[in-house]
Structures are given as C-alpha cells and as structure tokens.
Amino acid sequence: QVQLVESGGGLVQPGGSLRLSCAASGTIFSINAMFWYRQAPGKQRELVAGITMGGGTNYAESVKGRFTISRDSAKNTVYLQMNSLKPEDTAVYYCNTAYGATNDRWGQGTQVTVSS
C-alpha cells in the first residue's frame, strides 16, 4: 500500500503563494501519475492538477496560469506551487493516484485558507 502525506497548507492573503508537498511511501510513486484534488466545504472534491510519469501536466481551468504541479521521483514527492491565490482557492488539498481516487482512499489533506 501507498501512504500519501500532504503538507504546506496554511493561511495566506489573497495574491499570496503557498507550496504544497505530498510525500509518498512505497515504491510505486515513480510509475504512477499523481494528482492534486481539493475539496471546499459543502462541495465535492475536484481535480486541480495532474502530472504523468513522463512529466506531462494538466490543470483545472480555474487554476491555469497560477498553479504548477511538479514531482521529484527520487524524493517520492509531488508539489503544488500556488501563486496569486484567491479566496475561492480555500479548500482542503489532497494528493492521490488514480487508483487511490477511484477506490476512495484519501489521506488527511492539508488546509489552504485564502483570506484577508
């Protein structure tokens, strides 16, 4: 099994930046696509960004140009650099594999709050 631990969230003012990290245990990290999701109160989880094993990336339209997903396979870590943060970015952010998401296996996530 793979355990994913998110960190780096916090309280930030609109226009600010945060960098989230997702540390993975296990040995399958480097051969799986990784994704960042977020869930705001009262809403379903939404896919924010993804990165393939080959380094290709994709983003939700709402975060394009502001967020950047990256990975360091040697460190078993995936990152989400978030710039120009908006209040609507407030959510709990989760990282996951497609398998984990499909099977509803989630970690604790990390809270991001964007507020003045």
Protein backbone atom coordinates (compact mmCIF):
# COMPACT_ATOMS: atom_id res chain seq x y z
CA GLN A 1 0.00 0.00 0.00
CA VAL A 2 0.99 3.60 -0.56
CA GLN A 3 0.64 6.29 2.05
CA LEU A 4 0.47 9.91 0.96
CA VAL A 5 1.00 12.77 3.38
CA GLU A 6 0.18 16.31 2.36
CA SER A 7 1.76 19.35 3.95
CA GLY A 8 2.43 23.02 3.35
CA GLY A 9 -1.02 24.46 3.72
CA GLY A 10 -1.84 27.45 5.83
CA LEU A 11 -3.44 30.85 5.95
CA VAL A 12 -2.46 33.28 3.24
CA GLN A 13 -3.77 36.60 1.99
CA PRO A 14 -5.26 36.95 -1.48
CA GLY A 15 -2.49 37.28 -4.01
CA GLY A 16 -0.12 35.29 -1.87
CA SER A 17 1.61 31.99 -2.54
CA LEU A 18 1.94 28.58 -0.98
CA ARG A 19 3.79 25.45 -1.94
CA LEU A 20 2.17 22.16 -1.05
CA SER A 21 4.10 18.93 -0.73
CA CYS A 22 2.94 15.35 -0.94
CA ALA A 23 5.31 12.76 0.42
CA ALA A 24 4.70 9.17 -0.57
CA SER A 25 5.76 5.94 0.99
CA GLY A 26 6.09 2.81 -1.06
CA THR A 27 7.72 2.12 -4.38
CA ILE A 28 5.06 2.85 -6.97
CA PHE A 29 5.28 6.63 -6.88
CA SER A 30 7.56 7.00 -9.87
CA ILE A 31 5.45 4.85 -12.16
CA ASN A 32 2.10 6.44 -11.45
CA ALA A 33 0.52 9.66 -12.48
CA MET A 34 -0.12 11.90 -9.50
CA PHE A 35 -2.92 14.33 -8.94
CA TRP A 36 -3.88 17.17 -6.66
CA TYR A 37 -7.50 17.50 -5.65
CA ARG A 38 -9.26 19.95 -3.43
CA GLN A 39 -12.49 19.99 -1.52
CA ALA A 40 -14.18 23.10 -0.25
CA PRO A 41 -16.82 22.92 2.48
CA GLY A 42 -20.09 21.56 1.17
CA LYS A 43 -18.63 20.69 -2.20
CA GLN A 44 -17.34 17.60 -3.95
CA ARG A 45 -13.67 17.04 -4.46
CA GLU A 46 -12.41 18.49 -7.68
CA LEU A 47 -9.34 17.69 -9.69
CA VAL A 48 -6.91 20.59 -9.61
CA ALA A 49 -3.80 19.34 -11.36
CA GLY A 50 -2.16 16.18 -12.60
CA ILE A 51 1.27 15.06 -13.67
CA THR A 52 2.10 11.94 -15.63
CA MET A 53 5.04 9.64 -15.13
CA GLY A 54 6.58 11.32 -18.14
CA GLY A 55 6.20 14.79 -16.68
CA GLY A 56 3.20 15.97 -18.64
CA THR A 57 0.84 18.20 -16.71
CA ASN A 58 -2.74 19.30 -16.79
CA TYR A 59 -4.73 21.79 -14.76
CA ALA A 60 -8.24 22.74 -13.97
CA GLU A 61 -9.23 25.83 -15.89
CA SER A 62 -9.71 27.72 -12.65
CA VAL A 63 -6.04 27.41 -11.70
CA LYS A 64 -4.28 27.56 -15.05
CA GLY A 65 -1.50 30.08 -15.05
CA ARG A 66 -1.46 30.24 -11.26
CA PHE A 67 -0.67 26.71 -10.07
CA THR A 68 2.20 24.46 -11.07
CA ILE A 69 2.43 20.75 -10.32
CA SER A 70 5.80 19.05 -10.25
CA ARG A 71 7.37 15.90 -8.91
CA ASP A 72 10.68 14.69 -7.61
CA SER A 73 10.60 10.94 -8.00
CA ALA A 74 13.88 10.49 -6.16
CA LYS A 75 12.27 12.07 -3.11
CA ASN A 76 8.91 10.39 -3.65
CA THR A 77 7.35 13.82 -3.50
CA VAL A 78 4.92 15.78 -5.62
CA TYR A 79 4.47 19.53 -5.25
CA LEU A 80 1.85 22.10 -6.00
CA GLN A 81 3.10 25.64 -6.27
CA MET A 82 0.17 28.00 -5.85
CA ASN A 83 0.54 31.64 -6.79
CA SER A 84 -1.88 34.53 -6.98
CA LEU A 85 -4.15 32.79 -4.55
CA LYS A 86 -7.80 33.72 -4.40
CA PRO A 87 -10.39 33.22 -1.66
CA GLU A 88 -12.09 30.64 -3.87
CA ASP A 89 -8.95 28.51 -3.64
CA THR A 90 -9.78 27.88 0.00
CA ALA A 91 -10.13 24.13 0.46
CA VAL A 92 -8.52 21.02 1.82
CA TYR A 93 -5.99 19.86 -0.72
CA TYR A 94 -5.25 16.19 -1.31
CA CYS A 95 -2.81 14.35 -3.47
CA ASN A 96 -3.58 10.94 -4.84
CA THR A 97 -3.03 8.38 -7.54
CA ALA A 98 -5.78 7.49 -9.96
CA TYR A 99 -6.10 4.19 -8.14
CA GLY A 100 -6.47 5.86 -4.77
CA ALA A 101 -9.06 8.30 -6.04
CA THR A 102 -11.05 5.59 -7.79
CA ASN A 103 -11.07 3.43 -4.68
CA ASP A 104 -11.83 6.37 -2.39
CA ARG A 105 -8.58 6.14 -0.50
CA TRP A 106 -7.54 9.54 0.78
CA GLY A 107 -5.07 10.98 3.21
CA GLN A 108 -5.70 13.78 5.68
CA GLY A 109 -5.06 16.55 3.21
CA THR A 110 -3.72 19.99 4.03
CA GLN A 111 -5.86 23.04 4.65
CA VAL A 112 -5.39 26.09 2.49
CA THR A 113 -7.21 29.22 3.58
CA VAL A 114 -7.04 32.36 1.49
CA SER A 115 -8.45 35.30 3.37
CA SER A 116 -7.75 38.86 4.38
